Structure formats: C-alpha cells, structure tokens
Amino acid sequence: MFTGIVEELGEVAAVEELEESSRFRLRGPLVTEGAKHGDSIAVNGVCLTVVDTADGEFTADVMAETLKRSCLGALTAGDRVNLERPMALGGRLGGHIVQGHVDGTGTITERVPGENWEIVRIAAPGGLTRYIVEKGSITVDGVSLTVVEAGETDFTVSLIPTTLALTTLGVKGVGDPVNLEVDVLAKYVERLLGHRVAAGPAGAAEITETAEITETVEITGTAGVAR
C-alpha cells in the first residue's frame, strides 16, 4: 500500500519492448536504496515489482494489462516519473490509501496558474467520475490530491508549489494523459450496497431489523446512564 506522497522524481533509463509486455529500467537512487528483488515501487501511481537493482537503478516488468490501463506504455527513455516506496507498517499515512492499481487514464484539459498554486482540470472516463467527490481524494500519476470540483465528465485539483516542483504534474501540459486511481473505499461501498439492493425485500428487511436493534441498544444504554 502507498500513500500518494511522491518520494523521488526519477527517470526512465531504458524501455525494452517484449512480445506482450515491456521491461523498464528506471533511475531512482532514493527508492532503490535497500530495494531488492520482489519489492514494490510505485511508478507514476502504478505498483511495479522490482526484478533487480544496480547503481541507483531498478528494472521492472510491465504486463499488457498494465500497459493498456495506464500511461506507462507511452514512456520513453529520458521521461521523468514519480516514484514512491510502499508505506512501512506503523508509518504515517501522509496522503490517503493508494493501492497502485490504476483504474484508468485521464487527460489534462486546462491549467490555470495562481499566485502560489495552480488549478488543473482533468477529464476522466465516465465510469470513474461517480467515485470522484468534492473534497475527496484521488491519485493522479501517483500523487495524492484533494478534489476541488467534481463534474460529470471532469474534475479539478489545486497544486501547491511543492507538488509543482517535485512531481511530473509540474511539467505536464494540456493534452497530456495521467494515471487515475479513485478512492478504493468508494468502490467497496458501491459493491456492498449493490449486493444489498440485489437482495430485494429480504435485504431491506435485514437493514430495517439492524437499524431497529441499534436504536433499541442506544435507548437502553442511554437510560442506563441516566439512572
């Protein structure tokens, strides 16, 4: 699990095109330090498995599904990438829960600079916008951001100077694609509610019964305290 707090602005050293996949060699001395075969590193928000490391670089294999669902397939040698190691157990959750499982790609449609920030508008696939809410969290190219406005087809985020200087979002322009990962909690809630609705009257009865039991317990508990 990641938090969406980019640790290092790395670089693509080389890309080897294979039959149904690609092998990336990426430069990132900070995230590579101590990394070993089998470890995970997020690259522009995509969780990749380390194959090997050497001299501040690591290699990772990217399967066809990942290339199809993310922007990694467009990367070439020399491109900058956002890098993050997984959060250690007991570490601070500086951003929000990020799995590194990209849901789809969006496109930057507008950049509006401010005095100390920049508002960026991003068009998102229709299937993802229902999970994007105002003041909620979203991961854009591996960066945990707060949604400013949420529309039917797009959303906006506000980038502070640190984000502009230390991530790829500072250099991407209008028309550039970005990896998007919506809040996983929203997807779980939708799935669970979908099962309840599909259950029909029996499910509704179960919900009502649970609510009545909860109310009874609360009233009894309160009366006990009052005495």
C-alpha atoms as a PDB file:
ATOM      1  CA  MET A   1       0.000   0.000   0.000  1.00  0.00           C
ATOM      2  CA  PHE A   2       1.147   3.519  -0.834  1.00  0.00           C
ATOM      3  CA  THR A   3       0.059   6.955   0.359  1.00  0.00           C
ATOM      4  CA  GLY A   4       0.433   9.116  -2.751  1.00  0.00           C
ATOM      5  CA  ILE A   5       3.327  11.137  -1.313  1.00  0.00           C
ATOM      6  CA  VAL A   6       5.993  11.075  -4.028  1.00  0.00           C
ATOM      7  CA  GLU A   7       9.466  10.412  -2.631  1.00  0.00           C
ATOM      8  CA  GLU A   8      11.558  10.995  -5.703  1.00  0.00           C
ATOM      9  CA  LEU A   9      11.337  12.359  -9.220  1.00  0.00           C
ATOM     10  CA  GLY A  10      13.029   9.587 -11.154  1.00  0.00           C
ATOM     11  CA  GLU A  11      13.829   8.987 -14.799  1.00  0.00           C
ATOM     12  CA  VAL A  12      13.263   6.265 -17.373  1.00  0.00           C
ATOM     13  CA  ALA A  13      16.691   4.923 -18.295  1.00  0.00           C
ATOM     14  CA  ALA A  14      15.555   2.409 -20.906  1.00  0.00           C
ATOM     15  CA  VAL A  15      12.491   0.575 -22.215  1.00  0.00           C
ATOM     16  CA  GLU A  16      12.718  -2.890 -23.736  1.00  0.00           C
ATOM     17  CA  GLU A  17       9.698  -3.885 -25.802  1.00  0.00           C
ATOM     18  CA  LEU A  18       8.850  -7.574 -25.408  1.00  0.00           C
ATOM     19  CA  GLU A  19       6.184  -9.660 -27.160  1.00  0.00           C
ATOM     20  CA  GLU A  20       3.295  -8.943 -24.763  1.00  0.00           C
ATOM     21  CA  SER A  21       4.996  -6.808 -22.160  1.00  0.00           C
ATOM     22  CA  SER A  22       7.777  -4.292 -21.597  1.00  0.00           C
ATOM     23  CA  ARG A  23      10.771  -4.197 -19.284  1.00  0.00           C
ATOM     24  CA  PHE A  24      11.576  -0.806 -17.801  1.00  0.00           C
ATOM     25  CA  ARG A  25      14.872   0.308 -16.312  1.00  0.00           C
ATOM     26  CA  LEU A  26      14.289   3.280 -14.056  1.00  0.00           C
ATOM     27  CA  ARG A  27      16.707   5.583 -12.271  1.00  0.00           C
ATOM     28  CA  GLY A  28      15.858   6.457  -8.673  1.00  0.00           C
ATOM     29  CA  PRO A  29      18.730   6.318  -6.157  1.00  0.00           C
ATOM     30  CA  LEU A  30      16.499   7.102  -3.157  1.00  0.00           C
ATOM     31  CA  VAL A  31      13.796   4.481  -3.706  1.00  0.00           C
ATOM     32  CA  THR A  32      16.337   1.938  -4.945  1.00  0.00           C
ATOM     33  CA  GLU A  33      18.421   2.136  -1.781  1.00  0.00           C
ATOM     34  CA  GLY A  34      17.746  -1.043   0.136  1.00  0.00           C
ATOM     35  CA  ALA A  35      15.348  -2.360  -2.508  1.00  0.00           C
ATOM     36  CA  LYS A  36      15.658  -5.991  -3.521  1.00  0.00           C
ATOM     37  CA  HIS A  37      14.120  -8.496  -5.908  1.00  0.00           C
ATOM     38  CA  GLY A  38      10.367  -8.804  -5.299  1.00  0.00           C
ATOM     39  CA  ASP A  39       9.899  -5.430  -3.605  1.00  0.00           C
ATOM     40  CA  SER A  40       7.268  -2.970  -4.835  1.00  0.00           C
ATOM     41  CA  ILE A  41       7.795   0.574  -6.112  1.00  0.00           C
ATOM     42  CA  ALA A  42       5.054   2.813  -7.487  1.00  0.00           C
ATOM     43  CA  VAL A  43       5.901   4.411 -10.833  1.00  0.00           C
ATOM     44  CA  ASN A  44       3.506   7.214 -11.766  1.00  0.00           C
ATOM     45  CA  GLY A  45       0.995   5.552  -9.479  1.00  0.00           C
ATOM     46  CA  VAL A  46       1.432   2.035 -10.857  1.00  0.00           C
ATOM     47  CA  CYS A  47       2.665  -0.613  -8.426  1.00  0.00           C
ATOM     48  CA  LEU A  48       5.557  -2.470 -10.085  1.00  0.00           C
ATOM     49  CA  THR A  49       7.652  -5.364  -8.819  1.00  0.00           C
ATOM     50  CA  VAL A  50      11.420  -4.924  -8.691  1.00  0.00           C
ATOM     51  CA  VAL A  51      13.280  -7.503 -10.790  1.00  0.00           C
ATOM     52  CA  ASP A  52      16.791  -6.337  -9.902  1.00  0.00           C
ATOM     53  CA  THR A  53      18.733  -3.246  -8.877  1.00  0.00           C
ATOM     54  CA  ALA A  54      22.159  -1.796  -9.706  1.00  0.00           C
ATOM     55  CA  ASP A  55      23.833   1.600  -9.387  1.00  0.00           C
ATOM     56  CA  GLY A  56      20.734   3.508  -8.304  1.00  0.00           C
ATOM     57  CA  GLU A  57      18.526   1.918 -10.953  1.00  0.00           C
ATOM     58  CA  PHE A  58      15.932  -0.849 -10.899  1.00  0.00           C
ATOM     59  CA  THR A  59      14.164  -2.891 -13.537  1.00  0.00           C
ATOM     60  CA  ALA A  60      10.520  -3.914 -13.598  1.00  0.00           C
ATOM     61  CA  ASP A  61       8.335  -5.887 -15.980  1.00  0.00           C
ATOM     62  CA  VAL A  62       5.066  -4.321 -17.124  1.00  0.00           C
ATOM     63  CA  MET A  63       2.349  -6.652 -18.402  1.00  0.00           C
ATOM     64  CA  ALA A  64      -0.065  -5.976 -21.264  1.00  0.00           C
ATOM     65  CA  GLU A  65      -2.993  -5.233 -18.912  1.00  0.00           C
ATOM     66  CA  THR A  66      -0.976  -2.537 -17.132  1.00  0.00           C
ATOM     67  CA  LEU A  67       0.192  -1.020 -20.408  1.00  0.00           C
ATOM     68  CA  LYS A  68      -3.402  -0.942 -21.640  1.00  0.00           C
ATOM     69  CA  ARG A  69      -4.913   0.546 -18.483  1.00  0.00           C
ATOM     70  CA  SER A  70      -2.207   3.100 -17.670  1.00  0.00           C
ATOM     71  CA  CYS A  71       0.041   5.663 -19.353  1.00  0.00           C
ATOM     72  CA  LEU A  72       3.223   3.653 -18.828  1.00  0.00           C
ATOM     73  CA  GLY A  73       3.148   2.410 -22.408  1.00  0.00           C
ATOM     74  CA  ALA A  74       3.823   5.951 -23.649  1.00  0.00           C
ATOM     75  CA  LEU A  75       7.013   6.364 -21.598  1.00  0.00           C
ATOM     76  CA  THR A  76      10.377   6.565 -23.365  1.00  0.00           C
ATOM     77  CA  ALA A  77      13.965   6.917 -22.196  1.00  0.00           C
ATOM     78  CA  GLY A  78      14.553  10.285 -20.553  1.00  0.00           C
ATOM     79  CA  ASP A  79      10.982  10.787 -19.316  1.00  0.00           C
ATOM     80  CA  ARG A  80      10.588  11.788 -15.674  1.00  0.00           C
ATOM     81  CA  VAL A  81       8.461   9.612 -13.378  1.00  0.00           C
ATOM     82  CA  ASN A  82       7.032   9.870  -9.858  1.00  0.00           C
ATOM     83  CA  LEU A  83       8.458   7.213  -7.533  1.00  0.00           C
ATOM     84  CA  GLU A  84       7.240   6.015  -4.140  1.00  0.00           C
ATOM     85  CA  ARG A  85       8.061   3.043  -1.933  1.00  0.00           C
ATOM     86  CA  PRO A  86       5.283   1.242  -0.023  1.00  0.00           C
ATOM     87  CA  MET A  87       4.347   2.654   3.367  1.00  0.00           C
ATOM     88  CA  ALA A  88       6.004   0.798   6.242  1.00  0.00           C
ATOM     89  CA  LEU A  89       3.713  -0.715   8.868  1.00  0.00           C
ATOM     90  CA  GLY A  90       3.290   1.920  11.568  1.00  0.00           C
ATOM     91  CA  GLY A  91       4.325   4.744   9.230  1.00  0.00           C
ATOM     92  CA  ARG A  92       2.400   7.981   8.754  1.00  0.00           C
ATOM     93  CA  LEU A  93      -0.448   7.992   6.214  1.00  0.00           C
ATOM     94  CA  GLY A  94       0.533  11.329   4.709  1.00  0.00           C
ATOM     95  CA  GLY A  95      -1.850  11.172   1.749  1.00  0.00           C
ATOM     96  CA  HIS A  96      -4.589   8.548   1.523  1.00  0.00           C
ATOM     97  CA  ILE A  97      -4.847   4.799   0.896  1.00  0.00           C
ATOM     98  CA  VAL A  98      -3.358   4.146  -2.541  1.00  0.00           C
ATOM     99  CA  GLN A  99      -3.131   0.611  -3.927  1.00  0.00           C
ATOM    100  CA  GLY A 100      -1.093   1.349  -7.013  1.00  0.00           C
ATOM    101  CA  HIS A 101      -3.830  -0.247  -9.134  1.00  0.00           C
ATOM    102  CA  VAL A 102      -4.655   2.331 -11.796  1.00  0.00           C
ATOM    103  CA  ASP A 103      -8.352   2.474 -12.726  1.00  0.00           C
ATOM    104  CA  GLY A 104      -7.900   4.362 -15.986  1.00  0.00           C
ATOM    105  CA  THR A 105      -6.338   7.383 -17.625  1.00  0.00           C
ATOM    106  CA  GLY A 106      -7.464  10.988 -17.744  1.00  0.00           C
ATOM    107  CA  THR A 107      -6.396  13.966 -19.823  1.00  0.00           C
ATOM    108  CA  ILE A 108      -5.316  17.402 -18.640  1.00  0.00           C
ATOM    109  CA  THR A 109      -7.667  19.901 -20.292  1.00  0.00           C
ATOM    110  CA  GLU A 110      -6.782  23.149 -18.527  1.00  0.00           C
ATOM    111  CA  ARG A 111      -4.122  24.730 -16.308  1.00  0.00           C
ATOM    112  CA  VAL A 112      -4.873  27.997 -14.523  1.00  0.00           C
ATOM    113  CA  PRO A 113      -1.905  29.466 -12.613  1.00  0.00           C
ATOM    114  CA  GLY A 114      -2.490  31.333  -9.349  1.00  0.00           C
ATOM    115  CA  GLU A 115      -0.250  33.349  -7.063  1.00  0.00           C
ATOM    116  CA  ASN A 116       1.162  30.344  -5.200  1.00  0.00           C
ATOM    117  CA  TRP A 117      -0.686  27.434  -6.758  1.00  0.00           C
ATOM    118  CA  GLU A 118      -2.148  26.123  -9.988  1.00  0.00           C
ATOM    119  CA  ILE A 119      -5.618  24.778 -10.730  1.00  0.00           C
ATOM    120  CA  VAL A 120      -5.578  21.794 -13.082  1.00  0.00           C
ATOM    121  CA  ARG A 121      -8.685  20.409 -14.787  1.00  0.00           C
ATOM    122  CA  ILE A 122      -8.640  16.742 -15.777  1.00  0.00           C
ATOM    123  CA  ALA A 123     -11.147  14.899 -17.979  1.00  0.00           C
ATOM    124  CA  ALA A 124     -11.925  11.460 -16.563  1.00  0.00           C
ATOM    125  CA  PRO A 125     -13.555   8.352 -18.071  1.00  0.00           C
ATOM    126  CA  GLY A 126     -17.308   8.221 -17.427  1.00  0.00           C
ATOM    127  CA  GLY A 127     -17.039   5.051 -15.413  1.00  0.00           C
ATOM    128  CA  LEU A 128     -14.807   6.742 -12.836  1.00  0.00           C
ATOM    129  CA  THR A 129     -16.484  10.096 -12.252  1.00  0.00           C
ATOM    130  CA  ARG A 130     -19.100   8.633  -9.903  1.00  0.00           C
ATOM    131  CA  TYR A 131     -16.305   7.854  -7.439  1.00  0.00           C
ATOM    132  CA  ILE A 132     -14.918  11.407  -7.523  1.00  0.00           C
ATOM    133  CA  VAL A 133     -16.426  13.799  -4.987  1.00  0.00           C
ATOM    134  CA  GLU A 134     -15.680  17.352  -3.921  1.00  0.00           C
ATOM    135  CA  LYS A 135     -13.046  17.440  -1.144  1.00  0.00           C
ATOM    136  CA  GLY A 136     -12.477  13.712  -1.616  1.00  0.00           C
ATOM    137  CA  SER A 137      -9.144  12.110  -2.506  1.00  0.00           C
ATOM    138  CA  ILE A 138      -7.862  10.967  -5.881  1.00  0.00           C
ATOM    139  CA  THR A 139      -4.488   9.756  -7.117  1.00  0.00           C
ATOM    140  CA  VAL A 140      -3.140  11.445 -10.244  1.00  0.00           C
ATOM    141  CA  ASP A 141       0.099   9.949 -11.612  1.00  0.00           C
ATOM    142  CA  GLY A 142       0.758   8.579  -8.141  1.00  0.00           C
ATOM    143  CA  VAL A 143       0.176  11.909  -6.363  1.00  0.00           C
ATOM    144  CA  SER A 144      -2.473  12.050  -3.631  1.00  0.00           C
ATOM    145  CA  LEU A 145      -4.617  15.117  -4.301  1.00  0.00           C
ATOM    146  CA  THR A 146      -7.800  16.678  -2.934  1.00  0.00           C
ATOM    147  CA  VAL A 147     -10.613  17.216  -5.425  1.00  0.00           C
ATOM    148  CA  VAL A 148     -11.640  20.882  -5.665  1.00  0.00           C
ATOM    149  CA  GLU A 149     -14.595  20.496  -8.021  1.00  0.00           C
ATOM    150  CA  ALA A 150     -16.212  17.285  -9.272  1.00  0.00           C
ATOM    151  CA  GLY A 151     -18.214  17.384 -12.509  1.00  0.00           C
ATOM    152  CA  GLU A 152     -19.971  14.839 -14.688  1.00  0.00           C
ATOM    153  CA  THR A 153     -17.009  14.464 -17.038  1.00  0.00           C
ATOM    154  CA  ASP A 154     -14.053  16.060 -15.274  1.00  0.00           C
ATOM    155  CA  PHE A 155     -12.655  17.357 -12.006  1.00  0.00           C
ATOM    156  CA  THR A 156     -10.169  19.937 -10.766  1.00  0.00           C
ATOM    157  CA  VAL A 157      -7.285  19.790  -8.313  1.00  0.00           C
ATOM    158  CA  SER A 158      -5.101  22.521  -6.826  1.00  0.00           C
ATOM    159  CA  LEU A 159      -1.335  22.030  -6.975  1.00  0.00           C
ATOM    160  CA  ILE A 160       0.899  23.666  -4.374  1.00  0.00           C
ATOM    161  CA  PRO A 161       4.465  24.797  -5.212  1.00  0.00           C
ATOM    162  CA  THR A 162       5.989  21.627  -3.702  1.00  0.00           C
ATOM    163  CA  THR A 163       3.866  19.392  -5.942  1.00  0.00           C
ATOM    164  CA  LEU A 164       4.694  21.516  -8.975  1.00  0.00           C
ATOM    165  CA  ALA A 165       8.424  21.369  -8.248  1.00  0.00           C
ATOM    166  CA  LEU A 166       8.834  17.765  -7.106  1.00  0.00           C
ATOM    167  CA  THR A 167       6.449  15.754  -9.325  1.00  0.00           C
ATOM    168  CA  THR A 168       5.714  15.299 -13.009  1.00  0.00           C
ATOM    169  CA  LEU A 169       2.498  17.288 -12.588  1.00  0.00           C
ATOM    170  CA  GLY A 170       4.591  20.448 -12.641  1.00  0.00           C
ATOM    171  CA  VAL A 171       5.630  19.886 -16.257  1.00  0.00           C
ATOM    172  CA  LYS A 172       2.695  18.088 -17.842  1.00  0.00           C
ATOM    173  CA  GLY A 173       0.658  20.249 -20.178  1.00  0.00           C
ATOM    174  CA  VAL A 174      -2.803  20.416 -21.705  1.00  0.00           C
ATOM    175  CA  GLY A 175      -3.499  17.251 -23.673  1.00  0.00           C
ATOM    176  CA  ASP A 176      -1.118  15.075 -21.665  1.00  0.00           C
ATOM    177  CA  PRO A 177      -2.502  11.817 -20.202  1.00  0.00           C
ATOM    178  CA  VAL A 178      -2.350  10.975 -16.491  1.00  0.00           C
ATOM    179  CA  ASN A 179      -2.949   7.810 -14.490  1.00  0.00           C
ATOM    180  CA  LEU A 180      -6.004   7.887 -12.237  1.00  0.00           C
ATOM    181  CA  GLU A 181      -6.815   5.780  -9.196  1.00  0.00           C
ATOM    182  CA  VAL A 182     -10.049   6.586  -7.390  1.00  0.00           C
ATOM    183  CA  ASP A 183     -10.633   6.040  -3.686  1.00  0.00           C
ATOM    184  CA  VAL A 184     -10.857   2.274  -3.169  1.00  0.00           C
ATOM    185  CA  LEU A 185     -13.243   2.753  -0.226  1.00  0.00           C
ATOM    186  CA  ALA A 186     -15.853   4.220  -2.588  1.00  0.00           C
ATOM    187  CA  LYS A 187     -15.658   1.131  -4.803  1.00  0.00           C
ATOM    188  CA  TYR A 188     -16.110  -1.210  -1.852  1.00  0.00           C
ATOM    189  CA  VAL A 189     -19.121   0.771  -0.599  1.00  0.00           C
ATOM    190  CA  GLU A 190     -20.728   0.654  -4.055  1.00  0.00           C
ATOM    191  CA  ARG A 191     -20.144  -3.102  -4.276  1.00  0.00           C
ATOM    192  CA  LEU A 192     -21.630  -3.768  -0.842  1.00  0.00           C
ATOM    193  CA  LEU A 193     -24.677  -1.569  -1.454  1.00  0.00           C
ATOM    194  CA  GLY A 194     -25.170  -3.250  -4.812  1.00  0.00           C
ATOM    195  CA  HIS A 195     -25.448  -6.628  -3.094  1.00  0.00           C
ATOM    196  CA  ARG A 196     -27.986  -5.215  -0.625  1.00  0.00           C
ATOM    197  CA  VAL A 197     -30.131  -3.801  -3.421  1.00  0.00           C
ATOM    198  CA  ALA A 198     -29.898  -7.057  -5.362  1.00  0.00           C
ATOM    199  CA  ALA A 199     -31.112  -8.926  -2.265  1.00  0.00           C
ATOM    200  CA  GLY A 200     -34.533  -7.276  -2.656  1.00  0.00           C
ATOM    201  CA  PRO A 201     -37.148  -7.241   0.143  1.00  0.00           C
ATOM    202  CA  ALA A 202     -35.176  -9.689   2.283  1.00  0.00           C
ATOM    203  CA  GLY A 203     -32.157  -7.382   2.202  1.00  0.00           C
ATOM    204  CA  ALA A 204     -34.328  -4.388   3.023  1.00  0.00           C
ATOM    205  CA  ALA A 205     -35.841  -6.264   5.952  1.00  0.00           C
ATOM    206  CA  GLU A 206     -32.364  -7.084   7.216  1.00  0.00           C
ATOM    207  CA  ILE A 207     -31.317  -3.428   7.078  1.00  0.00           C
ATOM    208  CA  THR A 208     -34.506  -2.335   8.896  1.00  0.00           C
ATOM    209  CA  GLU A 209     -34.077  -5.003  11.545  1.00  0.00           C
ATOM    210  CA  THR A 210     -30.464  -3.977  12.136  1.00  0.00           C
ATOM    211  CA  ALA A 211     -31.460  -0.340  12.470  1.00  0.00           C
ATOM    212  CA  GLU A 212     -34.203  -1.207  14.997  1.00  0.00           C
ATOM    213  CA  ILE A 213     -31.806  -3.290  17.079  1.00  0.00           C
ATOM    214  CA  THR A 214     -29.231  -0.494  17.046  1.00  0.00           C
ATOM    215  CA  GLU A 215     -31.857   2.045  18.109  1.00  0.00           C
ATOM    216  CA  THR A 216     -33.031  -0.199  20.973  1.00  0.00           C
ATOM    217  CA  VAL A 217     -29.498  -0.667  22.231  1.00  0.00           C
ATOM    218  CA  GLU A 218     -28.824   3.054  22.094  1.00  0.00           C
ATOM    219  CA  ILE A 219     -32.021   3.909  24.004  1.00  0.00           C
ATOM    220  CA  THR A 220     -31.398   1.228  26.635  1.00  0.00           C
ATOM    221  CA  GLY A 221     -27.806   2.319  27.020  1.00  0.00           C
ATOM    222  CA  THR A 222     -28.778   5.952  27.420  1.00  0.00           C
ATOM    223  CA  ALA A 223     -31.437   5.066  30.031  1.00  0.00           C
ATOM    224  CA  GLY A 224     -28.874   3.089  31.963  1.00  0.00           C
ATOM    225  CA  VAL A 225     -26.507   6.058  32.010  1.00  0.00           C
ATOM    226  CA  ALA A 226     -29.326   8.404  33.116  1.00  0.00           C
ATOM    227  CA  ARG A 227     -30.063   6.254  36.162  1.00  0.00           C
END
